[in-house]
Amino acid sequence: MPLYLPAKTVGGTVAIAICARCSLKMYAGNRVKDPNNGLLVHKECCDVYDPWRLPARQSEDITVRDPRPDEDLV
């Protein structure tokens, strides 16, 4: 990584930020919010959303349609 980032204008600003996970410097406009913990990181450090944080699945309706009436065997 170079000592200085090249000065480019992105929307009129040249703000430099540090990735919260790997501590690499980057442009502030390139940061994204990590969905698991809310850290501002660059796209390579961003994790996929943890499936354990999703709501529980809805249970299925597994009842038998049109069941036969119970009759004695004898």
N, C-alpha and C. Protein backbone atom coordinates (compact mmCIF):
# COMPACT_ATOMS: atom_id res chain seq x y z
N MET A 1 0.85 -1.17 0.00
CA MET A 1 0.00 0.00 0.00
C MET A 1 0.90 1.23 0.00
N PRO A 2 0.62 2.19 -0.88
CA PRO A 2 1.46 3.38 -0.92
C PRO A 2 1.28 4.23 0.34
N LEU A 3 2.27 5.07 0.57
CA LEU A 3 2.23 5.93 1.75
C LEU A 3 1.09 6.93 1.65
N TYR A 4 0.84 7.45 0.45
CA TYR A 4 -0.23 8.43 0.24
C TYR A 4 -1.18 7.90 -0.82
N LEU A 5 -2.45 8.17 -0.64
CA LEU A 5 -3.43 7.85 -1.68
C LEU A 5 -3.41 8.97 -2.71
N PRO A 6 -3.56 8.68 -3.99
CA PRO A 6 -3.58 9.75 -4.98
C PRO A 6 -4.81 10.63 -4.78
N ALA A 7 -4.61 11.92 -4.91
CA ALA A 7 -5.71 12.87 -4.68
C ALA A 7 -6.65 12.83 -5.87
N LYS A 8 -7.84 12.37 -5.64
CA LYS A 8 -8.87 12.40 -6.67
C LYS A 8 -10.10 13.04 -6.04
N THR A 9 -10.85 13.72 -6.82
CA THR A 9 -12.02 14.40 -6.28
C THR A 9 -13.24 13.53 -6.53
N VAL A 10 -13.89 13.14 -5.46
CA VAL A 10 -15.12 12.36 -5.53
C VAL A 10 -16.20 13.23 -4.90
N GLY A 11 -16.96 13.87 -5.73
CA GLY A 11 -18.00 14.75 -5.21
C GLY A 11 -17.44 16.00 -4.56
N GLY A 12 -16.21 16.39 -4.92
CA GLY A 12 -15.63 17.60 -4.39
C GLY A 12 -14.83 17.41 -3.11
N THR A 13 -14.76 16.20 -2.55
CA THR A 13 -14.00 15.97 -1.33
C THR A 13 -12.93 14.92 -1.55
N VAL A 14 -11.88 15.01 -0.77
CA VAL A 14 -10.81 14.02 -0.81
C VAL A 14 -10.63 13.52 0.61
N ALA A 15 -11.66 12.96 1.19
CA ALA A 15 -11.61 12.50 2.58
C ALA A 15 -11.03 11.09 2.62
N ILE A 16 -10.13 10.86 3.57
CA ILE A 16 -9.49 9.56 3.76
C ILE A 16 -10.06 8.94 5.02
N ALA A 17 -10.33 7.64 4.96
CA ALA A 17 -10.88 6.92 6.11
C ALA A 17 -10.05 5.65 6.32
N ILE A 18 -10.22 5.03 7.47
CA ILE A 18 -9.52 3.79 7.81
C ILE A 18 -10.57 2.70 8.00
N CYS A 19 -10.32 1.54 7.40
CA CYS A 19 -11.22 0.40 7.54
C CYS A 19 -11.24 -0.05 8.99
N ALA A 20 -12.41 -0.30 9.53
CA ALA A 20 -12.54 -0.68 10.94
C ALA A 20 -12.09 -2.11 11.19
N ARG A 21 -11.98 -2.93 10.17
CA ARG A 21 -11.59 -4.32 10.36
C ARG A 21 -10.10 -4.55 10.09
N CYS A 22 -9.59 -4.09 8.95
CA CYS A 22 -8.19 -4.39 8.60
C CYS A 22 -7.27 -3.19 8.73
N SER A 23 -7.78 -2.02 9.05
CA SER A 23 -7.02 -0.78 9.27
C SER A 23 -6.26 -0.31 8.04
N LEU A 24 -6.75 -0.60 6.85
CA LEU A 24 -6.18 -0.05 5.63
C LEU A 24 -6.84 1.29 5.33
N LYS A 25 -6.06 2.20 4.75
CA LYS A 25 -6.66 3.49 4.42
C LYS A 25 -7.35 3.39 3.07
N MET A 26 -8.40 4.19 2.92
CA MET A 26 -9.21 4.18 1.71
C MET A 26 -9.93 5.51 1.63
N TYR A 27 -10.61 5.74 0.54
CA TYR A 27 -11.43 6.94 0.42
C TYR A 27 -12.71 6.75 1.22
N ALA A 28 -13.17 7.82 1.82
CA ALA A 28 -14.35 7.73 2.69
C ALA A 28 -15.61 7.35 1.90
N GLY A 29 -15.65 7.64 0.64
CA GLY A 29 -16.81 7.30 -0.18
C GLY A 29 -16.89 5.82 -0.52
N ASN A 30 -15.82 5.07 -0.31
CA ASN A 30 -15.79 3.65 -0.65
C ASN A 30 -16.18 2.75 0.51
N ARG A 31 -16.55 3.30 1.65
CA ARG A 31 -16.88 2.47 2.80
C ARG A 31 -18.32 1.96 2.70
N VAL A 32 -18.54 0.77 3.20
CA VAL A 32 -19.89 0.20 3.31
C VAL A 32 -20.09 -0.26 4.75
N LYS A 33 -21.34 -0.35 5.16
CA LYS A 33 -21.64 -0.78 6.52
C LYS A 33 -21.79 -2.30 6.55
N ASP A 34 -21.06 -2.94 7.46
CA ASP A 34 -21.13 -4.39 7.62
C ASP A 34 -22.49 -4.76 8.19
N PRO A 35 -23.24 -5.69 7.57
CA PRO A 35 -24.59 -5.98 8.05
C PRO A 35 -24.63 -6.68 9.41
N ASN A 36 -23.56 -7.34 9.83
CA ASN A 36 -23.59 -8.08 11.08
C ASN A 36 -23.34 -7.20 12.30
N ASN A 37 -22.38 -6.27 12.20
CA ASN A 37 -22.04 -5.50 13.39
C ASN A 37 -22.04 -4.00 13.17
N GLY A 38 -22.30 -3.52 11.97
CA GLY A 38 -22.43 -2.09 11.72
C GLY A 38 -21.11 -1.35 11.54
N LEU A 39 -19.98 -2.03 11.43
CA LEU A 39 -18.70 -1.37 11.22
C LEU A 39 -18.63 -0.81 9.81
N LEU A 40 -17.92 0.30 9.64
CA LEU A 40 -17.70 0.86 8.31
C LEU A 40 -16.40 0.28 7.77
N VAL A 41 -16.53 -0.59 6.77
CA VAL A 41 -15.39 -1.31 6.20
C VAL A 41 -15.40 -1.15 4.69
N HIS A 42 -14.32 -1.57 4.01
CA HIS A 42 -14.35 -1.55 2.55
C HIS A 42 -14.95 -2.87 2.05
N LYS A 43 -15.26 -2.92 0.77
CA LYS A 43 -16.07 -4.02 0.23
C LYS A 43 -15.41 -5.39 0.40
N GLU A 44 -14.08 -5.47 0.42
CA GLU A 44 -13.41 -6.75 0.57
C GLU A 44 -13.54 -7.30 1.99
N CYS A 45 -13.69 -6.43 2.98
CA CYS A 45 -13.81 -6.88 4.37
C CYS A 45 -15.26 -7.10 4.81
N CYS A 46 -16.22 -6.75 3.97
CA CYS A 46 -17.62 -6.87 4.34
C CYS A 46 -18.05 -8.34 4.33
N ASP A 47 -18.68 -8.79 5.42
CA ASP A 47 -19.14 -10.17 5.53
C ASP A 47 -20.53 -10.32 4.93
N VAL A 48 -20.89 -11.56 4.65
CA VAL A 48 -22.26 -11.85 4.26
C VAL A 48 -23.13 -11.85 5.51
N TYR A 49 -24.41 -11.65 5.35
CA TYR A 49 -25.30 -11.56 6.49
C TYR A 49 -25.41 -12.91 7.18
N ASP A 50 -25.29 -12.91 8.50
CA ASP A 50 -25.31 -14.14 9.28
C ASP A 50 -26.74 -14.71 9.29
N PRO A 51 -26.95 -15.96 8.83
CA PRO A 51 -28.31 -16.50 8.78
C PRO A 51 -28.92 -16.72 10.16
N TRP A 52 -28.12 -16.79 11.22
CA TRP A 52 -28.68 -16.94 12.56
C TRP A 52 -29.40 -15.69 13.03
N ARG A 53 -29.15 -14.57 12.38
CA ARG A 53 -29.82 -13.32 12.74
C ARG A 53 -31.17 -13.16 12.05
N LEU A 54 -31.48 -14.04 11.11
CA LEU A 54 -32.76 -13.98 10.42
C LEU A 54 -33.87 -14.45 11.36
N PRO A 55 -35.11 -14.02 11.14
CA PRO A 55 -36.20 -14.50 11.99
C PRO A 55 -36.43 -16.00 11.79
N ALA A 56 -37.02 -16.63 12.78
CA ALA A 56 -37.26 -18.07 12.72
C ALA A 56 -38.25 -18.39 11.60
N ARG A 57 -38.08 -19.58 11.02
CA ARG A 57 -38.98 -20.00 9.95
C ARG A 57 -40.36 -20.28 10.53
N GLN A 58 -41.37 -20.06 9.73
CA GLN A 58 -42.74 -20.35 10.14
C GLN A 58 -42.96 -21.86 10.03
N SER A 59 -43.67 -22.41 10.99
CA SER A 59 -43.92 -23.84 10.96
C SER A 59 -44.93 -24.17 9.85
N GLU A 60 -44.83 -25.37 9.34
CA GLU A 60 -45.69 -25.79 8.24
C GLU A 60 -46.97 -26.42 8.79
N ASP A 61 -48.00 -26.37 7.99
CA ASP A 61 -49.26 -27.02 8.34
C ASP A 61 -49.19 -28.44 7.78
N ILE A 62 -48.95 -29.43 8.65
CA ILE A 62 -48.75 -30.80 8.19
C ILE A 62 -49.91 -31.71 8.57
N THR A 63 -51.07 -31.14 8.79
CA THR A 63 -52.22 -31.97 9.11
C THR A 63 -52.70 -32.72 7.87
N VAL A 64 -53.30 -33.87 8.09
CA VAL A 64 -53.78 -34.70 6.99
C VAL A 64 -55.14 -34.15 6.53
N ARG A 65 -55.25 -33.98 5.22
CA ARG A 65 -56.53 -33.50 4.68
C ARG A 65 -57.50 -34.66 4.55
N ASP A 66 -58.72 -34.47 4.91
CA ASP A 66 -59.80 -35.46 4.82
C ASP A 66 -59.41 -36.78 5.49
N PRO A 67 -59.16 -36.79 6.78
CA PRO A 67 -58.77 -38.05 7.43
C PRO A 67 -59.97 -38.98 7.55
N ARG A 68 -59.69 -40.27 7.60
CA ARG A 68 -60.76 -41.27 7.81
C ARG A 68 -61.18 -41.25 9.27
N PRO A 69 -62.46 -41.51 9.55
CA PRO A 69 -62.87 -41.56 10.95
C PRO A 69 -62.31 -42.79 11.64
N ASP A 70 -62.01 -42.66 12.91
CA ASP A 70 -61.48 -43.79 13.66
C ASP A 70 -62.60 -44.81 13.91
N GLU A 71 -62.36 -46.06 13.55
CA GLU A 71 -63.32 -47.14 13.77
C GLU A 71 -62.62 -48.25 14.52
N ASP A 72 -63.38 -48.94 15.35
CA ASP A 72 -62.82 -50.06 16.08
C ASP A 72 -62.53 -51.22 15.13
N LEU A 73 -61.49 -51.96 15.43
CA LEU A 73 -61.14 -53.11 14.59
C LEU A 73 -62.00 -54.32 14.88
N VAL A 74 -62.59 -54.39 16.04
CA VAL A 74 -63.40 -55.55 16.42
C VAL A 74 -64.85 -55.30 16.11
